[in-house]
Protein backbone atom coordinates (compact mmCIF):
# COMPACT_ATOMS: atom_id res chain seq x y z
CA MET A 1 10.02 74.58 115.11
CA ILE A 2 13.26 73.15 113.71
CA TRP A 3 15.84 75.45 115.30
CA HIS A 4 16.82 76.08 118.89
CA VAL A 5 19.11 78.86 120.08
CA VAL A 6 22.59 77.87 121.27
CA ASN A 7 25.74 79.86 121.91
CA LYS A 8 28.79 80.15 119.67
CA PHE A 9 30.65 77.65 121.86
CA ASP A 10 28.13 74.83 121.37
CA ARG A 11 30.10 71.65 120.55
CA ASP A 12 27.64 70.29 117.99
CA ALA A 13 27.40 73.65 116.24
CA CYS A 14 31.21 73.92 116.21
CA ALA A 15 31.49 70.44 114.69
CA LEU A 16 29.14 71.45 111.86
CA ALA A 17 31.11 74.68 111.41
CA ASP A 18 34.31 72.64 111.11
CA ARG A 19 32.84 71.14 107.91
CA HIS A 20 31.83 74.48 106.37
CA TYR A 21 34.01 76.22 103.79
CA SER A 22 34.06 79.46 105.78
CA ARG A 23 35.71 77.87 108.84
CA ARG A 24 39.04 79.55 109.54
CA LYS A 25 40.36 77.48 112.45
CA ILE A 26 39.06 73.91 112.47
CA GLY A 27 38.75 72.68 116.03
CA SER A 28 38.43 76.14 117.57
CA PRO A 29 35.99 76.14 120.51
CA GLN A 30 33.83 78.84 118.87
CA PHE A 31 33.07 79.90 115.31
CA MET A 32 31.35 83.28 115.20
CA PRO A 33 33.01 86.69 114.86
CA PRO A 34 32.96 89.19 117.73
CA GLY A 35 29.84 91.31 117.94
CA GLN A 36 26.16 90.54 118.28
CA THR A 37 25.38 86.94 117.32
CA LEU A 38 22.51 84.51 117.17
CA VAL A 39 23.38 80.84 116.65
CA LEU A 40 20.74 78.29 115.75
CA LEU A 41 21.16 74.52 115.83
CA ALA A 42 18.61 72.13 114.32
CA LEU A 43 16.93 69.79 116.77
CA GLY A 44 18.64 66.84 115.04
CA HIS A 45 22.03 68.56 115.42
CA ASP A 46 22.49 68.28 111.66
CA ALA A 47 22.20 71.93 110.64
CA VAL A 48 23.62 75.21 111.94
CA PHE A 49 22.80 78.82 111.14
CA GLY A 50 24.68 81.85 112.45
CA TRP A 51 23.57 85.49 112.35
CA TRP A 52 26.03 88.32 113.07
CA ARG A 53 26.25 92.09 113.17
CA PRO A 54 28.59 94.54 114.85
CA HIS A 55 27.18 95.40 118.25
CA PRO A 56 25.09 98.57 117.79
CA ASP A 57 26.71 100.23 120.82
CA SER A 58 30.27 99.58 119.59
CA GLY A 59 30.31 102.25 116.90
CA LEU A 60 31.84 99.69 114.52
CA ILE A 61 30.50 99.03 111.05
CA ALA A 62 30.73 95.89 108.94
CA MET A 63 33.60 95.79 106.44
CA ASN A 64 31.10 96.03 103.56
CA GLY A 65 29.62 99.21 105.09
CA LEU A 66 26.14 97.69 105.30
CA ASP A 67 23.98 97.82 108.42
CA GLY A 68 21.97 94.63 108.80
CA TRP A 69 22.23 91.07 110.06
CA THR A 70 24.58 88.81 108.12
CA CYS A 71 24.31 85.05 107.87
CA THR A 72 27.94 84.08 108.43
CA ILE A 73 27.32 80.34 108.34
CA PHE A 74 24.59 78.01 107.14
CA ARG A 75 25.24 74.30 106.90
CA ASN A 76 22.50 71.74 106.38
CA GLU A 77 23.65 68.12 106.55
CA ALA A 78 20.09 66.79 106.53
CA PRO A 79 18.76 67.95 103.15
CA HIS A 80 16.17 65.18 102.96
CA ARG A 81 14.76 66.00 106.37
CA TYR A 82 14.81 69.79 106.08
CA GLN A 83 14.47 71.89 102.94
CA SER A 84 17.25 74.49 103.14
CA SER A 85 14.95 77.34 102.14
CA ASP A 86 12.56 76.40 104.97
CA LEU A 87 15.45 76.46 107.44
CA ILE A 88 16.44 79.92 106.20
CA LEU A 89 12.89 81.24 106.53
CA GLU A 90 12.60 79.92 110.08
CA ALA A 91 16.03 81.36 110.98
CA GLU A 92 14.83 84.74 109.71
CA HIS A 93 11.65 84.51 111.77
CA ILE A 94 13.56 83.68 114.95
CA LEU A 95 16.07 86.49 114.40
CA LEU A 96 13.42 89.11 113.71
CA SER A 97 11.32 88.02 116.70
CA MET A 98 14.33 88.69 118.95
CA HIS A 99 16.14 91.64 117.35
CA SER A 100 15.51 94.67 115.20
CA CYS A 101 17.27 94.80 111.87
CA GLY A 102 19.34 97.59 110.37
CA PRO A 103 18.27 99.45 107.23
CA ASP A 104 20.16 97.08 104.92
CA GLY A 105 18.11 94.05 106.01
CA LEU A 106 19.44 90.50 105.85
CA LEU A 107 22.71 89.68 104.09
CA THR A 108 24.91 86.74 103.26
CA TYR A 109 27.80 85.85 100.99
CA VAL A 110 27.96 82.63 98.98
CA TRP A 111 31.31 81.50 97.60
CA GLY A 112 30.10 79.67 94.51
CA ALA A 113 33.42 77.95 93.78
CA LYS A 114 33.37 76.32 97.24
CA VAL A 115 29.83 74.91 97.31
CA ARG A 116 28.74 71.68 95.65
CA SER A 117 25.55 73.11 94.19
CA SER A 118 25.29 73.74 90.46
CA ASN A 119 23.25 76.82 91.45
CA PRO A 120 25.05 78.44 94.42
CA GLY A 121 22.71 80.44 96.63
CA TYR A 122 19.59 78.77 95.25
CA CYS A 123 18.26 77.99 98.74
CA PHE A 124 18.48 81.70 99.63
CA GLN A 125 16.79 82.60 96.35
CA MET A 126 13.93 80.20 97.17
CA ALA A 127 13.61 81.95 100.55
CA GLY A 128 13.10 85.30 98.80
CA TRP A 129 16.68 86.62 98.76
CA ARG A 130 18.14 88.37 95.71
CA LYS A 131 21.66 88.90 94.43
CA ARG A 132 22.97 92.33 95.37
CA GLY A 133 26.56 92.29 94.17
CA ARG A 134 29.95 90.76 94.81
CA SER A 135 32.41 90.79 97.68
CA ALA A 136 35.37 93.18 97.53
CA ASP A 137 37.60 90.34 96.30
CA LYS A 138 34.95 89.39 93.68
CA ARG A 139 34.96 85.73 94.77
CA LYS A 140 31.63 85.68 96.61
CA THR A 141 28.10 86.73 95.69
CA LEU A 142 26.30 89.03 98.09
CA TRP A 143 22.68 88.01 98.68
CA HIS A 144 20.17 90.34 100.30
CA LYS A 145 16.65 90.30 101.67
CA PRO A 146 14.98 93.55 102.73
CA VAL A 147 13.18 93.70 106.04
CA PRO A 148 10.19 96.03 106.37
CA ALA A 149 10.75 98.77 108.95
């Protein structure tokens, strides 16, 4: 197993988040939105993955109206040690072994203009995810993976 579960205040996870394009406040002691979260840190402290969804008991819904778990951050600084698609698949397995998923499955947004890849979202595609649309502001691609009920 590559990942271990940490909390959203983990210093090593926060440091990785500080180097991700989605980070809003660099140096903040935590990096996940309010709600239900699952944060995974690679054993080598060189990759972070964060799952989020509104807490089911809160009555809140995600801004996109979808009911599922969203990857809000994935940063892999050890691409030669870990294949990104393998990290995603293991993160999915851990999440689904701990939590049920909403009817919209697994979701993430990739902001193509802010990633260095010539094929943004390719690692999610290799893990079985498919493009589902665009964000409301049209800057990010929505990726989706269904989860059997």
